[in-house]
Amino acid sequence: MRRRDELAAGEGIPAGLTHSPGASRQWVSDELTEAARAVADRGREEGSAWLARLWRHTLVVVWAAVGALLLGQLLTALAADGWTLARTATLCAALASAALLSLTAWLHRARGGVLAPVIGEDNRLSTSRAVATAWVLLVVYDVLVLAVELAGVGGADERRALLEGLDLAHGAGVLTVLALTCAVAVVVRRAVTVRVQGRRLQKVRADRPRASDLLTDDAGRGTFADVQYVLVSAVAVVFAAVRLAREPEQLPDLPWGLALLVIVSAATYLAGKYAEGGRPVVLSVVRAREIGDLHAPIRTGDDIEIRGAGFVPTGAGAPDRLARMVVRIGTVHVHVPLIPVAGGFTSPADASLTVPVPVEVEPGRVEVQVVTAAGVETNRYPIDVVD
């Protein structure tokens, strides 16, 4: 960023290039591209190292939660009716769940430990997988509690009462929400894969996952679909956990009103996923004209401005990503130069690109096509190049 601002102000440009705007611009772009790639390489190395260390921190969080549960059980036991079978069952279920999560963390220690199942293929935390995982963990924990209680009771009537806790009359709401959130996670993954392969959605890999990924898009901007899905699901999970704490002998009795709220939220999230994205498109190509230039057709050596939409995919605003953009003019591939200004770049931008027409382009009618950093090609736009 410091180097970009210096070059934008004209500092550090060799004196031999100042007479040629095209040569100086290309030199500036090459300097910035080299610096951006060095920074990006270090960022990816740091992200990989951070992800490899993360699994130990996830284990600390898991076992700290078990310790907090034990402390809470001890305090409530002293203040209430003493230690009961239900308290033993909840603690044993927590230990079993923590052991399974610890095994998962060790097996996926290179991919973030416990967080590995909720990290998507683009190296970001997946909102749909995180919500589905929360419901899966809650239901699995509840079933383990019922299993321990069933093993500890001696009377037939008590065992029958525990088995009745698994009836649909008690758990229809929570099981419906569980099935829906898991289905949404699978459908979203399939939809994203199909749309990326069909070039209707552009995805760029992140350096490392962040907690904010659950509430934002690939560019780090908050999205309504993700935020409402996480908030509504979090409220419902907390409500179900409270019901479980008060009645550990049965599945959480989730009211149908709350279950319907989660269903509406999941449908909104799914619709938002299908609505996002779109192919980049070239709308027009014009000759770039500086102040004082005469009106003229496009010739080799001239700069052209390509106007359209979707040239910079979400999450591809970093300089190293921008430097990967290519414009195909006829059969010649032209790398889009980075044109810096204080605080950013004038080109490439999401709606416009500026590139020179190289001398290798044959005069006549040629087609212009943009290839984005995600590898997606735009439509072909014909232009006339004269001698």
Protein backbone atom coordinates (compact mmCIF):
# COMPACT_ATOMS: atom_id res chain seq x y z
CA MET A 1 0.00 0.00 0.00
CA ARG A 2 2.88 2.35 0.77
CA ARG A 3 4.54 1.52 -2.55
CA ARG A 4 1.25 2.06 -4.39
CA ASP A 5 0.77 5.53 -2.94
CA GLU A 6 4.37 6.47 -3.74
CA LEU A 7 4.04 5.43 -7.37
CA ALA A 8 0.64 7.10 -7.63
CA ALA A 9 2.35 10.35 -6.63
CA GLY A 10 5.05 9.81 -9.28
CA GLU A 11 7.83 9.03 -6.79
CA GLY A 12 10.50 6.49 -7.69
CA ILE A 13 9.73 6.24 -11.41
CA PRO A 14 12.97 6.09 -13.49
CA ALA A 15 13.67 9.31 -15.34
CA GLY A 16 14.13 7.43 -18.61
CA LEU A 17 10.49 6.36 -18.57
CA THR A 18 8.86 9.68 -17.81
CA HIS A 19 8.71 10.63 -21.50
CA SER A 20 6.56 7.60 -22.32
CA PRO A 21 3.24 7.34 -20.46
CA GLY A 22 2.71 3.77 -21.69
CA ALA A 23 6.16 2.57 -20.66
CA SER A 24 6.00 4.25 -17.25
CA ARG A 25 2.53 2.84 -16.61
CA GLN A 26 3.69 -0.68 -17.48
CA TRP A 27 6.75 -0.31 -15.25
CA VAL A 28 4.58 0.89 -12.36
CA SER A 29 2.18 -2.01 -12.89
CA ASP A 30 5.03 -4.55 -12.91
CA GLU A 31 6.49 -3.09 -9.73
CA LEU A 32 3.16 -3.22 -7.94
CA THR A 33 2.41 -6.72 -9.22
CA GLU A 34 5.73 -8.04 -7.92
CA ALA A 35 5.18 -6.41 -4.52
CA ALA A 36 1.57 -7.65 -4.35
CA ARG A 37 2.59 -11.22 -5.13
CA ALA A 38 5.26 -11.13 -2.42
CA VAL A 39 2.71 -9.89 0.14
CA ALA A 40 0.16 -12.50 -1.02
CA ASP A 41 2.68 -15.34 -0.71
CA ARG A 42 3.49 -14.31 2.84
CA GLY A 43 -0.18 -14.03 3.64
CA ARG A 44 -0.89 -17.54 2.37
CA GLU A 45 2.03 -18.94 4.38
CA GLU A 46 0.79 -17.16 7.49
CA GLY A 47 -2.74 -18.45 6.88
CA SER A 48 -1.55 -22.05 6.55
CA ALA A 49 0.53 -21.79 9.73
CA TRP A 50 -2.37 -20.19 11.61
CA LEU A 51 -4.74 -22.93 10.48
CA ALA A 52 -2.29 -25.63 11.61
CA ARG A 53 -2.10 -24.05 15.09
CA LEU A 54 -5.84 -23.54 15.39
CA TRP A 55 -6.70 -27.14 16.31
CA ARG A 56 -5.09 -26.78 19.75
CA HIS A 57 -7.12 -23.67 20.47
CA THR A 58 -10.33 -25.45 19.46
CA LEU A 59 -9.51 -28.23 21.93
CA VAL A 60 -9.00 -25.67 24.68
CA VAL A 61 -12.44 -24.19 23.94
CA VAL A 62 -14.11 -27.62 23.91
CA TRP A 63 -12.67 -28.77 27.23
CA ALA A 64 -13.21 -25.34 28.80
CA ALA A 65 -16.90 -25.75 27.96
CA VAL A 66 -16.88 -29.14 29.70
CA GLY A 67 -15.22 -27.57 32.74
CA ALA A 68 -17.79 -24.78 32.81
CA LEU A 69 -20.59 -27.38 32.65
CA LEU A 70 -19.05 -29.32 35.54
CA LEU A 71 -18.74 -26.17 37.62
CA GLY A 72 -22.33 -25.22 36.89
CA GLN A 73 -23.56 -28.69 37.84
CA LEU A 74 -21.65 -28.59 41.12
CA LEU A 75 -23.01 -25.16 42.04
CA THR A 76 -26.61 -26.04 41.18
CA ALA A 77 -26.29 -29.38 42.99
CA LEU A 78 -25.19 -27.61 46.17
CA ALA A 79 -28.03 -25.09 45.87
CA ALA A 80 -30.72 -27.60 44.91
CA ASP A 81 -31.42 -31.27 45.53
CA GLY A 82 -27.86 -32.59 45.38
CA TRP A 83 -26.22 -34.74 42.75
CA THR A 84 -28.70 -36.67 40.60
CA LEU A 85 -28.62 -39.18 37.78
CA ALA A 86 -29.54 -36.44 35.32
CA ARG A 87 -26.45 -34.45 36.33
CA THR A 88 -24.27 -37.51 35.89
CA ALA A 89 -25.82 -38.15 32.48
CA THR A 90 -25.26 -34.59 31.27
CA LEU A 91 -21.64 -34.67 32.42
CA CYS A 92 -20.95 -38.07 30.85
CA ALA A 93 -22.56 -36.94 27.59
CA ALA A 94 -20.40 -33.81 27.63
CA LEU A 95 -17.25 -35.89 28.18
CA ALA A 96 -18.19 -38.25 25.34
CA SER A 97 -18.96 -35.35 23.00
CA ALA A 98 -15.70 -33.62 23.92
CA ALA A 99 -13.78 -36.83 23.27
CA LEU A 100 -15.36 -37.19 19.81
CA LEU A 101 -14.61 -33.56 19.02
CA SER A 102 -11.03 -33.99 20.23
CA LEU A 103 -10.59 -36.96 17.91
CA THR A 104 -12.01 -34.92 15.05
CA ALA A 105 -9.65 -32.06 15.87
CA TRP A 106 -6.63 -34.37 15.85
CA LEU A 107 -7.60 -36.05 12.59
CA HIS A 108 -8.10 -32.65 10.94
CA ARG A 109 -5.31 -30.82 12.75
CA ALA A 110 -3.93 -29.43 9.47
CA ARG A 111 -7.35 -28.00 8.54
CA GLY A 112 -8.35 -26.18 11.72
CA GLY A 113 -9.26 -28.99 14.09
CA VAL A 114 -12.88 -28.90 15.23
CA LEU A 115 -13.65 -26.18 12.69
CA ALA A 116 -12.59 -28.32 9.71
CA PRO A 117 -16.12 -29.60 8.92
CA VAL A 118 -17.49 -26.04 8.69
CA ILE A 119 -14.70 -24.66 6.47
CA GLY A 120 -15.77 -24.53 2.83
CA GLU A 121 -13.78 -25.28 -0.28
CA ASP A 122 -12.98 -21.57 -0.63
CA ASN A 123 -11.22 -21.64 2.79
CA ARG A 124 -13.99 -19.62 4.47
CA LEU A 125 -16.34 -20.57 7.29
CA SER A 126 -19.61 -21.80 5.80
CA THR A 127 -22.73 -20.30 7.34
CA SER A 128 -24.97 -23.19 6.32
CA ARG A 129 -22.57 -25.83 7.67
CA ALA A 130 -22.08 -23.94 10.94
CA VAL A 131 -25.83 -23.72 11.58
CA ALA A 132 -26.36 -27.39 10.69
CA THR A 133 -23.43 -28.41 12.91
CA ALA A 134 -24.91 -26.54 15.89
CA TRP A 135 -28.19 -28.46 15.59
CA VAL A 136 -26.39 -31.79 15.06
CA LEU A 137 -24.26 -31.29 18.18
CA LEU A 138 -27.32 -30.34 20.25
CA VAL A 139 -29.31 -33.41 19.18
CA VAL A 140 -26.37 -35.81 19.53
CA TYR A 141 -25.65 -34.46 23.00
CA ASP A 142 -29.29 -34.92 24.01
CA VAL A 143 -29.37 -38.51 22.74
CA LEU A 144 -26.19 -39.28 24.69
CA VAL A 145 -27.79 -37.85 27.83
CA LEU A 146 -30.84 -40.07 27.34
CA ALA A 147 -28.60 -43.11 26.71
CA VAL A 148 -26.64 -42.60 29.94
CA GLU A 149 -29.84 -42.06 31.92
CA LEU A 150 -31.35 -45.18 30.37
CA ALA A 151 -28.30 -47.19 31.42
CA GLY A 152 -28.46 -45.83 34.96
CA VAL A 153 -32.12 -46.30 35.84
CA GLY A 154 -33.34 -49.59 37.26
CA GLY A 155 -37.12 -49.56 37.06
CA ALA A 156 -39.12 -50.55 33.98
CA ASP A 157 -41.43 -47.57 34.35
CA GLU A 158 -38.50 -45.17 34.45
CA ARG A 159 -36.97 -46.74 31.35
CA ARG A 160 -40.30 -46.54 29.58
CA ALA A 161 -40.59 -42.85 30.50
CA LEU A 162 -37.11 -42.17 29.08
CA LEU A 163 -37.92 -43.97 25.84
CA GLU A 164 -41.06 -41.89 25.54
CA GLY A 165 -38.79 -38.85 25.57
CA LEU A 166 -37.65 -39.86 22.08
CA ASP A 167 -41.19 -39.85 20.68
CA LEU A 168 -42.10 -37.48 17.90
CA ALA A 169 -44.60 -35.84 20.20
CA HIS A 170 -41.64 -34.28 22.03
CA GLY A 171 -39.00 -33.88 19.33
CA ALA A 172 -40.93 -33.26 16.10
CA GLY A 173 -40.02 -29.58 16.02
CA VAL A 174 -36.31 -29.97 16.70
CA LEU A 175 -35.99 -32.94 14.33
CA THR A 176 -37.72 -30.97 11.57
CA VAL A 177 -35.32 -28.07 12.04
CA LEU A 178 -32.36 -30.48 12.14
CA ALA A 179 -33.38 -32.12 8.87
CA LEU A 180 -34.02 -28.76 7.22
CA THR A 181 -30.71 -27.15 8.22
CA CYS A 182 -28.74 -30.22 7.13
CA ALA A 183 -30.60 -30.25 3.81
CA VAL A 184 -29.86 -26.53 3.33
CA ALA A 185 -26.14 -27.15 3.92
CA VAL A 186 -26.09 -29.91 1.28
CA VAL A 187 -28.17 -27.95 -1.24
CA VAL A 188 -26.05 -24.80 -0.84
CA ARG A 189 -22.84 -26.72 -1.43
CA ARG A 190 -24.28 -28.39 -4.51
CA ALA A 191 -25.72 -25.14 -5.84
CA VAL A 192 -22.43 -23.27 -5.41
CA THR A 193 -20.49 -26.05 -7.13
CA VAL A 194 -22.88 -26.20 -10.09
CA ARG A 195 -23.00 -22.43 -10.49
CA VAL A 196 -19.21 -22.10 -10.34
CA GLN A 197 -18.76 -24.84 -12.92
CA GLY A 198 -21.46 -23.22 -15.06
CA ARG A 199 -19.61 -19.87 -14.79
CA ARG A 200 -22.64 -18.21 -13.22
CA LEU A 201 -20.82 -17.57 -9.93
CA GLN A 202 -17.26 -16.40 -9.30
CA LYS A 203 -15.44 -17.74 -6.24
CA VAL A 204 -11.96 -16.77 -5.09
CA ARG A 205 -10.13 -18.69 -2.36
CA ALA A 206 -9.40 -16.86 0.89
CA ASP A 207 -6.06 -16.92 2.69
CA ARG A 208 -7.65 -18.24 5.90
CA PRO A 209 -11.08 -18.56 7.51
CA ARG A 210 -12.39 -15.86 9.82
CA ALA A 211 -15.29 -15.74 12.25
CA SER A 212 -16.79 -12.86 10.28
CA ASP A 213 -17.29 -15.22 7.32
CA LEU A 214 -20.50 -16.40 8.99
CA LEU A 215 -22.08 -12.96 8.59
CA THR A 216 -20.45 -11.56 5.45
CA ASP A 217 -19.92 -12.30 1.79
CA ASP A 218 -16.56 -13.12 0.18
CA ALA A 219 -15.60 -9.44 0.17
CA GLY A 220 -16.21 -9.04 3.91
CA ARG A 221 -19.44 -7.07 3.53
CA GLY A 222 -22.38 -7.97 5.76
CA THR A 223 -25.23 -9.75 3.99
CA PHE A 224 -28.84 -9.82 5.14
CA ALA A 225 -29.41 -13.49 4.25
CA ASP A 226 -26.44 -14.72 6.31
CA VAL A 227 -27.00 -12.42 9.28
CA GLN A 228 -30.68 -13.26 9.73
CA TYR A 229 -30.02 -17.00 9.32
CA VAL A 230 -27.31 -16.99 11.98
CA LEU A 231 -29.28 -14.83 14.43
CA VAL A 232 -32.55 -16.76 14.14
CA SER A 233 -30.76 -20.12 14.35
CA ALA A 234 -28.70 -18.99 17.35
CA VAL A 235 -31.83 -17.92 19.22
CA ALA A 236 -33.54 -21.22 18.44
CA VAL A 237 -30.49 -23.27 19.50
CA VAL A 238 -30.27 -21.37 22.80
CA PHE A 239 -33.98 -21.91 23.41
CA ALA A 240 -33.63 -25.64 22.70
CA ALA A 241 -30.57 -25.87 24.97
CA VAL A 242 -32.51 -24.24 27.82
CA ARG A 243 -35.39 -26.69 27.35
CA LEU A 244 -32.86 -29.53 27.37
CA ALA A 245 -31.29 -28.28 30.60
CA ARG A 246 -34.70 -28.16 32.30
CA GLU A 247 -35.95 -31.48 30.89
CA PRO A 248 -32.94 -33.69 30.11
CA GLU A 249 -35.12 -36.82 30.02
CA GLN A 250 -36.55 -35.98 26.57
CA LEU A 251 -35.73 -34.31 23.29
CA PRO A 252 -36.10 -30.50 23.42
CA ASP A 253 -39.72 -29.59 22.84
CA LEU A 254 -39.22 -26.86 20.24
CA PRO A 255 -42.48 -24.94 19.68
CA TRP A 256 -43.78 -25.07 16.14
CA GLY A 257 -43.89 -21.28 16.00
CA LEU A 258 -40.14 -21.11 16.60
CA ALA A 259 -39.53 -24.02 14.22
CA LEU A 260 -41.51 -22.19 11.53
CA LEU A 261 -39.39 -19.09 12.13
CA VAL A 262 -36.23 -21.14 11.50
CA ILE A 263 -37.80 -22.63 8.35
CA VAL A 264 -38.61 -19.16 6.97
CA SER A 265 -35.09 -17.98 7.84
CA ALA A 266 -33.54 -20.99 6.08
CA ALA A 267 -35.69 -20.39 2.99
CA THR A 268 -34.58 -16.75 2.91
CA TYR A 269 -30.94 -17.79 3.21
CA LEU A 270 -31.31 -20.34 0.42
CA ALA A 271 -33.01 -17.81 -1.86
CA GLY A 272 -30.24 -15.31 -1.15
CA LYS A 273 -27.62 -17.85 -2.18
CA TYR A 274 -29.36 -18.48 -5.48
CA ALA A 275 -29.77 -14.74 -6.11
CA GLU A 276 -26.11 -13.78 -5.65
CA GLY A 277 -23.47 -13.86 -8.36
CA GLY A 278 -23.82 -13.65 -12.10
CA ARG A 279 -21.52 -13.76 -15.09
CA PRO A 280 -19.30 -10.77 -15.90
CA VAL A 281 -20.38 -8.89 -18.98
CA VAL A 282 -18.79 -6.43 -21.41
CA LEU A 283 -21.26 -3.70 -22.35
CA SER A 284 -19.10 -1.40 -24.45
CA VAL A 285 -15.53 -0.72 -25.56
CA VAL A 286 -14.38 2.82 -26.31
CA ARG A 287 -11.10 4.52 -27.08
CA ALA A 288 -9.65 6.09 -23.95
CA ARG A 289 -9.16 9.80 -24.59
CA GLU A 290 -6.96 12.11 -22.60
CA ILE A 291 -7.78 15.80 -22.33
CA GLY A 292 -6.52 17.53 -25.44
CA ASP A 293 -6.53 14.44 -27.67
CA LEU A 294 -8.22 14.57 -31.04
CA HIS A 295 -11.17 12.36 -31.87
CA ALA A 296 -10.00 9.27 -33.71
CA PRO A 297 -10.76 5.59 -34.25
CA ILE A 298 -9.03 2.85 -32.29
CA ARG A 299 -5.49 2.15 -33.52
CA THR A 300 -2.75 -0.14 -32.28
CA GLY A 301 -0.97 1.52 -29.38
CA ASP A 302 -4.10 3.31 -28.20
CA ASP A 303 -5.70 2.68 -24.83
CA ILE A 304 -9.21 1.28 -24.76
CA GLU A 305 -11.66 1.46 -21.91
CA ILE A 306 -13.80 -1.66 -21.43
CA ARG A 307 -17.05 -0.91 -19.62
CA GLY A 308 -19.29 -3.54 -18.11
CA ALA A 309 -20.02 -5.27 -14.81
CA GLY A 310 -18.64 -8.08 -12.66
CA PHE A 311 -14.98 -7.74 -13.70
CA VAL A 312 -13.75 -7.97 -10.08
CA PRO A 313 -15.33 -10.93 -8.22
CA THR A 314 -16.18 -10.52 -4.55
CA GLY A 315 -13.07 -11.26 -2.54
CA ALA A 316 -10.73 -10.50 -5.46
CA GLY A 317 -10.01 -6.87 -4.64
CA ALA A 318 -6.45 -7.52 -3.45
CA PRO A 319 -3.73 -6.27 -5.84
CA ASP A 320 -2.38 -9.76 -6.51
CA ARG A 321 -5.86 -10.86 -7.62
CA LEU A 322 -6.35 -7.77 -9.78
CA ALA A 323 -3.02 -8.42 -11.48
CA ARG A 324 -4.32 -11.79 -12.71
CA MET A 325 -6.94 -10.21 -14.95
CA VAL A 326 -6.44 -10.62 -18.69
CA VAL A 327 -8.10 -9.07 -21.73
CA ARG A 328 -8.13 -11.08 -24.94
CA ILE A 329 -8.00 -8.79 -28.00
CA GLY A 330 -8.33 -11.01 -31.03
CA THR A 331 -5.70 -13.68 -30.44
CA VAL A 332 -3.48 -11.51 -28.22
CA HIS A 333 -3.66 -11.76 -24.43
CA VAL A 334 -3.10 -8.45 -22.65
CA HIS A 335 -2.57 -8.37 -18.89
CA VAL A 336 -4.54 -5.54 -17.33
CA PRO A 337 -2.07 -3.01 -15.87
CA LEU A 338 -2.53 -1.76 -12.33
CA ILE A 339 -3.10 2.02 -12.47
CA PRO A 340 -2.67 3.34 -8.91
CA VAL A 341 -4.13 6.37 -7.21
CA ALA A 342 -3.89 7.36 -3.57
CA GLY A 343 -5.85 4.73 -1.64
CA GLY A 344 -6.63 2.35 -4.49
CA PHE A 345 -6.63 1.74 -8.23
CA THR A 346 -8.52 3.40 -11.06
CA SER A 347 -8.08 0.25 -13.15
CA PRO A 348 -8.93 -2.54 -12.99
CA ALA A 349 -12.31 -1.86 -11.42
CA ASP A 350 -15.51 -3.84 -11.28
CA ALA A 351 -17.16 -1.74 -13.99
CA SER A 352 -14.24 -0.65 -16.19
CA LEU A 353 -10.79 -1.69 -17.37
CA THR A 354 -8.15 0.24 -19.28
CA VAL A 355 -5.69 -1.67 -21.46
CA PRO A 356 -3.48 -0.79 -24.43
CA VAL A 357 -4.04 -2.27 -27.87
CA PRO A 358 -0.68 -3.97 -28.61
CA VAL A 359 0.99 -3.76 -32.03
CA GLU A 360 0.52 -7.53 -32.39
CA VAL A 361 -3.20 -7.00 -32.98
CA GLU A 362 -4.00 -7.14 -36.69
CA PRO A 363 -6.05 -4.22 -38.06
CA GLY A 364 -9.65 -5.01 -38.81
CA ARG A 365 -12.56 -6.32 -36.78
CA VAL A 366 -11.44 -8.15 -33.62
CA GLU A 367 -13.25 -9.36 -30.55
CA VAL A 368 -12.54 -8.22 -27.01
CA GLN A 369 -13.08 -10.56 -24.07
CA VAL A 370 -12.22 -10.20 -20.37
CA VAL A 371 -10.96 -13.08 -18.22
CA THR A 372 -11.47 -12.32 -14.52
CA ALA A 373 -9.30 -13.36 -11.59
CA ALA A 374 -11.70 -16.27 -10.97
CA GLY A 375 -11.07 -17.58 -14.49
CA VAL A 376 -14.52 -16.68 -15.81
CA GLU A 377 -14.77 -15.29 -19.35
CA THR A 378 -17.13 -12.54 -20.41
CA ASN A 379 -19.03 -12.28 -23.65
CA ARG A 380 -17.12 -11.30 -26.82
CA TYR A 381 -17.45 -7.69 -27.93
CA PRO A 382 -16.38 -6.73 -31.48
CA ILE A 383 -14.35 -3.59 -32.19
CA ASP A 384 -12.68 -2.16 -35.32
CA VAL A 385 -8.93 -1.50 -35.26
CA VAL A 386 -7.60 0.66 -38.07
CA ASP A 387 -4.06 1.21 -39.39
